Amino acid sequence: MYAEVTALLNLAWLRIVADDPSGARDEAQRALRRWSRIGFYVQHLYALRIETYCDLYQDDRERPSARA
């Protein structure tokens, strides 16, 4: 499961590079649905980082600080 979730999170980066931030968000959310909802793991941090980069890519500077 670790490898699958990590692969999905890495695919999200490729979506950002391909000018598809909404696809990147979808990949990150899909990865998190496979991961534990109990606790906070590095995979949650990675998904949050992807979401933040998507926000910045779309020039939405308010959204990342609202998550904090």
PDB file of N, CA and C in Angstrom:
ATOM      1  N   MET A   1       0.827  -1.182   0.000  1.00  0.00           N
ATOM      2  CA  MET A   1       0.000   0.000   0.000  1.00  0.00           C
ATOM      3  C   MET A   1       0.876   1.252   0.000  1.00  0.00           C
ATOM      4  N   TYR A   2       1.972   1.198   0.743  1.00  0.00           N
ATOM      5  CA  TYR A   2       2.878   2.349   0.782  1.00  0.00           C
ATOM      6  C   TYR A   2       3.346   2.717  -0.623  1.00  0.00           C
ATOM      7  N   ALA A   3       3.769   1.719  -1.396  1.00  0.00           N
ATOM      8  CA  ALA A   3       4.270   1.973  -2.750  1.00  0.00           C
ATOM      9  C   ALA A   3       3.172   2.539  -3.646  1.00  0.00           C
ATOM     10  N   GLU A   4       1.967   2.027  -3.509  1.00  0.00           N
ATOM     11  CA  GLU A   4       0.859   2.513  -4.331  1.00  0.00           C
ATOM     12  C   GLU A   4       0.528   3.969  -4.010  1.00  0.00           C
ATOM     13  N   VAL A   5       0.449   4.293  -2.744  1.00  0.00           N
ATOM     14  CA  VAL A   5       0.124   5.656  -2.338  1.00  0.00           C
ATOM     15  C   VAL A   5       1.248   6.611  -2.750  1.00  0.00           C
ATOM     16  N   THR A   6       2.483   6.197  -2.569  1.00  0.00           N
ATOM     17  CA  THR A   6       3.616   7.029  -2.962  1.00  0.00           C
ATOM     18  C   THR A   6       3.609   7.257  -4.468  1.00  0.00           C
ATOM     19  N   ALA A   7       3.299   6.224  -5.234  1.00  0.00           N
ATOM     20  CA  ALA A   7       3.240   6.367  -6.694  1.00  0.00           C
ATOM     21  C   ALA A   7       2.139   7.347  -7.100  1.00  0.00           C
ATOM     22  N   LEU A   8       0.984   7.261  -6.467  1.00  0.00           N
ATOM     23  CA  LEU A   8      -0.106   8.187  -6.789  1.00  0.00           C
ATOM     24  C   LEU A   8       0.278   9.627  -6.459  1.00  0.00           C
ATOM     25  N   LEU A   9       0.952   9.826  -5.336  1.00  0.00           N
ATOM     26  CA  LEU A   9       1.378  11.171  -4.972  1.00  0.00           C
ATOM     27  C   LEU A   9       2.414  11.700  -5.961  1.00  0.00           C
ATOM     28  N   ASN A  10       3.281  10.834  -6.448  1.00  0.00           N
ATOM     29  CA  ASN A  10       4.256  11.268  -7.449  1.00  0.00           C
ATOM     30  C   ASN A  10       3.586  11.562  -8.786  1.00  0.00           C
ATOM     31  N   LEU A  11       2.550  10.824  -9.130  1.00  0.00           N
ATOM     32  CA  LEU A  11       1.792  11.126 -10.339  1.00  0.00           C
ATOM     33  C   LEU A  11       1.150  12.510 -10.263  1.00  0.00           C
ATOM     34  N   ALA A  12       0.780  12.901  -9.065  1.00  0.00           N
ATOM     35  CA  ALA A  12       0.194  14.227  -8.887  1.00  0.00           C
ATOM     36  C   ALA A  12       1.185  15.315  -9.292  1.00  0.00           C
ATOM     37  N   TRP A  13       2.461  15.134  -8.979  1.00  0.00           N
ATOM     38  CA  TRP A  13       3.479  16.113  -9.396  1.00  0.00           C
ATOM     39  C   TRP A  13       3.546  16.209 -10.911  1.00  0.00           C
ATOM     40  N   LEU A  14       3.443  15.063 -11.576  1.00  0.00           N
ATOM     41  CA  LEU A  14       3.483  15.067 -13.040  1.00  0.00           C
ATOM     42  C   LEU A  14       2.291  15.819 -13.623  1.00  0.00           C
ATOM     43  N   ARG A  15       1.168  15.749 -12.955  1.00  0.00           N
ATOM     44  CA  ARG A  15      -0.015  16.491 -13.421  1.00  0.00           C
ATOM     45  C   ARG A  15       0.199  17.995 -13.306  1.00  0.00           C
ATOM     46  N   ILE A  16       0.856  18.424 -12.234  1.00  0.00           N
ATOM     47  CA  ILE A  16       1.151  19.857 -12.098  1.00  0.00           C
ATOM     48  C   ILE A  16       2.054  20.302 -13.247  1.00  0.00           C
ATOM     49  N   VAL A  17       3.079  19.518 -13.519  1.00  0.00           N
ATOM     50  CA  VAL A  17       4.015  19.839 -14.601  1.00  0.00           C
ATOM     51  C   VAL A  17       3.291  19.872 -15.947  1.00  0.00           C
ATOM     52  N   ALA A  18       2.280  19.030 -16.090  1.00  0.00           N
ATOM     53  CA  ALA A  18       1.525  18.957 -17.341  1.00  0.00           C
ATOM     54  C   ALA A  18       0.400  19.999 -17.400  1.00  0.00           C
ATOM     55  N   ASP A  19       0.443  20.984 -16.513  1.00  0.00           N
ATOM     56  CA  ASP A  19      -0.545  22.066 -16.496  1.00  0.00           C
ATOM     57  C   ASP A  19      -1.948  21.548 -16.175  1.00  0.00           C
ATOM     58  N   ASP A  20      -2.031  20.631 -15.229  1.00  0.00           N
ATOM     59  CA  ASP A  20      -3.308  20.049 -14.819  1.00  0.00           C
ATOM     60  C   ASP A  20      -3.409  20.028 -13.289  1.00  0.00           C
ATOM     61  N   PRO A  21      -3.519  21.206 -12.653  1.00  0.00           N
ATOM     62  CA  PRO A  21      -3.577  21.223 -11.190  1.00  0.00           C
ATOM     63  C   PRO A  21      -4.816  20.539 -10.619  1.00  0.00           C
ATOM     64  N   SER A  22      -5.940  20.598 -11.315  1.00  0.00           N
ATOM     65  CA  SER A  22      -7.118  19.919 -10.775  1.00  0.00           C
ATOM     66  C   SER A  22      -6.931  18.400 -10.836  1.00  0.00           C
ATOM     67  N   GLY A  23      -6.258  17.908 -11.865  1.00  0.00           N
ATOM     68  CA  GLY A  23      -5.930  16.486 -11.929  1.00  0.00           C
ATOM     69  C   GLY A  23      -4.965  16.096 -10.829  1.00  0.00           C
ATOM     70  N   ALA A  24      -4.030  16.996 -10.507  1.00  0.00           N
ATOM     71  CA  ALA A  24      -3.078  16.741  -9.424  1.00  0.00           C
ATOM     72  C   ALA A  24      -3.805  16.630  -8.089  1.00  0.00           C
ATOM     73  N   ARG A  25      -4.769  17.507  -7.871  1.00  0.00           N
ATOM     74  CA  ARG A  25      -5.571  17.437  -6.632  1.00  0.00           C
ATOM     75  C   ARG A  25      -6.323  16.112  -6.557  1.00  0.00           C
ATOM     76  N   ASP A  26      -6.879  15.705  -7.689  1.00  0.00           N
ATOM     77  CA  ASP A  26      -7.615  14.439  -7.722  1.00  0.00           C
ATOM     78  C   ASP A  26      -6.698  13.262  -7.380  1.00  0.00           C
ATOM     79  N   GLU A  27      -5.493  13.257  -7.936  1.00  0.00           N
ATOM     80  CA  GLU A  27      -4.534  12.182  -7.648  1.00  0.00           C
ATOM     81  C   GLU A  27      -4.171  12.168  -6.160  1.00  0.00           C
ATOM     82  N   ALA A  28      -3.940  13.343  -5.595  1.00  0.00           N
ATOM     83  CA  ALA A  28      -3.577  13.421  -4.177  1.00  0.00           C
ATOM     84  C   ALA A  28      -4.722  12.916  -3.295  1.00  0.00           C
ATOM     85  N   GLN A  29      -5.936  13.300  -3.630  1.00  0.00           N
ATOM     86  CA  GLN A  29      -7.091  12.835  -2.855  1.00  0.00           C
ATOM     87  C   GLN A  29      -7.302  11.333  -3.014  1.00  0.00           C
ATOM     88  N   ARG A  30      -7.085  10.837  -4.221  1.00  0.00           N
ATOM     89  CA  ARG A  30      -7.202   9.399  -4.455  1.00  0.00           C
ATOM     90  C   ARG A  30      -6.174   8.632  -3.629  1.00  0.00           C
ATOM     91  N   ALA A  31      -4.970   9.190  -3.537  1.00  0.00           N
ATOM     92  CA  ALA A  31      -3.928   8.556  -2.726  1.00  0.00           C
ATOM     93  C   ALA A  31      -4.335   8.523  -1.256  1.00  0.00           C
ATOM     94  N   LEU A  32      -4.863   9.635  -0.767  1.00  0.00           N
ATOM     95  CA  LEU A  32      -5.240   9.696   0.645  1.00  0.00           C
ATOM     96  C   LEU A  32      -6.412   8.777   0.981  1.00  0.00           C
ATOM     97  N   ARG A  33      -7.288   8.532   0.017  1.00  0.00           N
ATOM     98  CA  ARG A  33      -8.393   7.600   0.272  1.00  0.00           C
ATOM     99  C   ARG A  33      -7.874   6.185   0.512  1.00  0.00           C
ATOM    100  N   ARG A  34      -6.697   5.879  -0.009  1.00  0.00           N
ATOM    101  CA  ARG A  34      -6.096   4.564   0.184  1.00  0.00           C
ATOM    102  C   ARG A  34      -5.352   4.480   1.517  1.00  0.00           C
ATOM    103  N   TRP A  35      -5.050   5.603   2.122  1.00  0.00           N
ATOM    104  CA  TRP A  35      -4.214   5.651   3.315  1.00  0.00           C
ATOM    105  C   TRP A  35      -5.082   5.755   4.568  1.00  0.00           C
ATOM    106  N   SER A  36      -4.469   5.534   5.718  1.00  0.00           N
ATOM    107  CA  SER A  36      -5.170   5.585   6.999  1.00  0.00           C
ATOM    108  C   SER A  36      -5.727   6.981   7.282  1.00  0.00           C
ATOM    109  N   ARG A  37      -6.911   7.008   7.863  1.00  0.00           N
ATOM    110  CA  ARG A  37      -7.508   8.283   8.279  1.00  0.00           C
ATOM    111  C   ARG A  37      -7.258   8.538   9.763  1.00  0.00           C
ATOM    112  N   ILE A  38      -6.638   7.585  10.412  1.00  0.00           N
ATOM    113  CA  ILE A  38      -6.325   7.713  11.834  1.00  0.00           C
ATOM    114  C   ILE A  38      -4.886   8.194  11.954  1.00  0.00           C
ATOM    115  N   GLY A  39      -4.702   9.319  12.604  1.00  0.00           N
ATOM    116  CA  GLY A  39      -3.362   9.871  12.766  1.00  0.00           C
ATOM    117  C   GLY A  39      -2.975  10.772  11.607  1.00  0.00           C
ATOM    118  N   PHE A  40      -1.741  11.228  11.654  1.00  0.00           N
ATOM    119  CA  PHE A  40      -1.195  12.092  10.607  1.00  0.00           C
ATOM    120  C   PHE A  40       0.153  11.521  10.203  1.00  0.00           C
ATOM    121  N   TYR A  41       0.280  11.164   8.947  1.00  0.00           N
ATOM    122  CA  TYR A  41       1.482  10.528   8.433  1.00  0.00           C
ATOM    123  C   TYR A  41       2.132  11.424   7.384  1.00  0.00           C
ATOM    124  N   VAL A  42       3.337  11.069   7.025  1.00  0.00           N
ATOM    125  CA  VAL A  42       4.066  11.857   6.029  1.00  0.00           C
ATOM    126  C   VAL A  42       3.288  11.906   4.713  1.00  0.00           C
ATOM    127  N   GLN A  43       2.502  10.899   4.412  1.00  0.00           N
ATOM    128  CA  GLN A  43       1.696  10.903   3.194  1.00  0.00           C
ATOM    129  C   GLN A  43       0.661  12.032   3.229  1.00  0.00           C
ATOM    130  N   HIS A  44       0.133  12.323   4.398  1.00  0.00           N
ATOM    131  CA  HIS A  44      -0.789  13.452   4.538  1.00  0.00           C
ATOM    132  C   HIS A  44      -0.056  14.764   4.269  1.00  0.00           C
ATOM    133  N   LEU A  45       1.148  14.867   4.758  1.00  0.00           N
ATOM    134  CA  LEU A  45       1.957  16.059   4.520  1.00  0.00           C
ATOM    135  C   LEU A  45       2.253  16.216   3.032  1.00  0.00           C
ATOM    136  N   TYR A  46       2.606  15.125   2.369  1.00  0.00           N
ATOM    137  CA  TYR A  46       2.894  15.176   0.936  1.00  0.00           C
ATOM    138  C   TYR A  46       1.666  15.627   0.144  1.00  0.00           C
ATOM    139  N   ALA A  47       0.506  15.116   0.505  1.00  0.00           N
ATOM    140  CA  ALA A  47      -0.725  15.511  -0.185  1.00  0.00           C
ATOM    141  C   ALA A  47      -1.036  16.987   0.068  1.00  0.00           C
ATOM    142  N   LEU A  48      -0.821  17.430   1.288  1.00  0.00           N
ATOM    143  CA  LEU A  48      -1.028  18.837   1.615  1.00  0.00           C
ATOM    144  C   LEU A  48      -0.081  19.718   0.816  1.00  0.00           C
ATOM    145  N   ARG A  49       1.142  19.280   0.662  1.00  0.00           N
ATOM    146  CA  ARG A  49       2.127  20.030  -0.119  1.00  0.00           C
ATOM    147  C   ARG A  49       1.700  20.116  -1.588  1.00  0.00           C
ATOM    148  N   ILE A  50       1.185  19.033  -2.125  1.00  0.00           N
ATOM    149  CA  ILE A  50       0.696  19.046  -3.508  1.00  0.00           C
ATOM    150  C   ILE A  50      -0.457  20.027  -3.653  1.00  0.00           C
ATOM    151  N   GLU A  51      -1.398  19.981  -2.717  1.00  0.00           N
ATOM    152  CA  GLU A  51      -2.532  20.914  -2.755  1.00  0.00           C
ATOM    153  C   GLU A  51      -2.048  22.360  -2.698  1.00  0.00           C
ATOM    154  N   THR A  52      -1.068  22.627  -1.856  1.00  0.00           N
ATOM    155  CA  THR A  52      -0.541  23.980  -1.726  1.00  0.00           C
ATOM    156  C   THR A  52       0.137  24.438  -3.013  1.00  0.00           C
ATOM    157  N   TYR A  53       0.925  23.570  -3.612  1.00  0.00           N
ATOM    158  CA  TYR A  53       1.556  23.922  -4.888  1.00  0.00           C
ATOM    159  C   TYR A  53       0.513  24.155  -5.967  1.00  0.00           C
ATOM    160  N   CYS A  54      -0.558  23.386  -5.963  1.00  0.00           N
ATOM    161  CA  CYS A  54      -1.637  23.613  -6.928  1.00  0.00           C
ATOM    162  C   CYS A  54      -2.254  24.989  -6.720  1.00  0.00           C
ATOM    163  N   ASP A  55      -2.478  25.351  -5.462  1.00  0.00           N
ATOM    164  CA  ASP A  55      -3.018  26.680  -5.163  1.00  0.00           C
ATOM    165  C   ASP A  55      -2.101  27.772  -5.691  1.00  0.00           C
ATOM    166  N   LEU A  56      -0.827  27.640  -5.419  1.00  0.00           N
ATOM    167  CA  LEU A  56       0.123  28.656  -5.864  1.00  0.00           C
ATOM    168  C   LEU A  56       0.240  28.668  -7.384  1.00  0.00           C
ATOM    169  N   TYR A  57       0.179  27.514  -7.996  1.00  0.00           N
ATOM    170  CA  TYR A  57       0.230  27.415  -9.452  1.00  0.00           C
ATOM    171  C   TYR A  57      -0.949  28.152 -10.079  1.00  0.00           C
ATOM    172  N   GLN A  58      -2.101  28.079  -9.411  1.00  0.00           N
ATOM    173  CA  GLN A  58      -3.301  28.750  -9.901  1.00  0.00           C
ATOM    174  C   GLN A  58      -3.412  30.173  -9.364  1.00  0.00           C
ATOM    175  N   ASP A  59      -2.354  30.675  -8.769  1.00  0.00           N
ATOM    176  CA  ASP A  59      -2.268  32.045  -8.247  1.00  0.00           C
ATOM    177  C   ASP A  59      -3.330  32.329  -7.181  1.00  0.00           C
ATOM    178  N   ASP A  60      -3.624  31.334  -6.367  1.00  0.00           N
ATOM    179  CA  ASP A  60      -4.566  31.483  -5.256  1.00  0.00           C
ATOM    180  C   ASP A  60      -3.752  31.514  -3.960  1.00  0.00           C
ATOM    181  N   ARG A  61      -3.388  32.700  -3.542  1.00  0.00           N
ATOM    182  CA  ARG A  61      -2.509  32.842  -2.371  1.00  0.00           C
ATOM    183  C   ARG A  61      -3.269  32.790  -1.050  1.00  0.00           C
ATOM    184  N   GLU A  62      -4.572  32.904  -1.098  1.00  0.00           N
ATOM    185  CA  GLU A  62      -5.380  32.874   0.127  1.00  0.00           C
ATOM    186  C   GLU A  62      -5.625  31.471   0.630  1.00  0.00           C
ATOM    187  N   ARG A  63      -5.814  30.543  -0.275  1.00  0.00           N
ATOM    188  CA  ARG A  63      -6.203  29.181   0.100  1.00  0.00           C
ATOM    189  C   ARG A  63      -5.159  28.446   0.951  1.00  0.00           C
ATOM    190  N   PRO A  64      -3.857  28.518   0.618  1.00  0.00           N
ATOM    191  CA  PRO A  64      -2.900  27.788   1.458  1.00  0.00           C
ATOM    192  C   PRO A  64      -2.896  28.261   2.914  1.00  0.00           C
ATOM    193  N   SER A  65      -3.001  29.554   3.127  1.00  0.00           N
ATOM    194  CA  SER A  65      -2.984  30.039   4.507  1.00  0.00           C
ATOM    195  C   SER A  65      -4.279  29.694   5.232  1.00  0.00           C
ATOM    196  N   ALA A  66      -5.368  29.477   4.508  1.00  0.00           N
ATOM    197  CA  ALA A  66      -6.624  29.073   5.136  1.00  0.00           C
ATOM    198  C   ALA A  66      -6.542  27.640   5.653  1.00  0.00           C
ATOM    199  N   ARG A  67      -5.668  26.821   5.061  1.00  0.00           N
ATOM    200  CA  ARG A  67      -5.500  25.438   5.517  1.00  0.00           C
ATOM    201  C   ARG A  67      -4.689  25.353   6.807  1.00  0.00           C
ATOM    202  N   ALA A  68      -3.882  26.346   7.077  1.00  0.00           N
ATOM    203  CA  ALA A  68      -2.979  26.302   8.231  1.00  0.00           C
ATOM    204  C   ALA A  68      -3.703  26.337   9.544  1.00  0.00           C
TER     205      ALA A  68
END
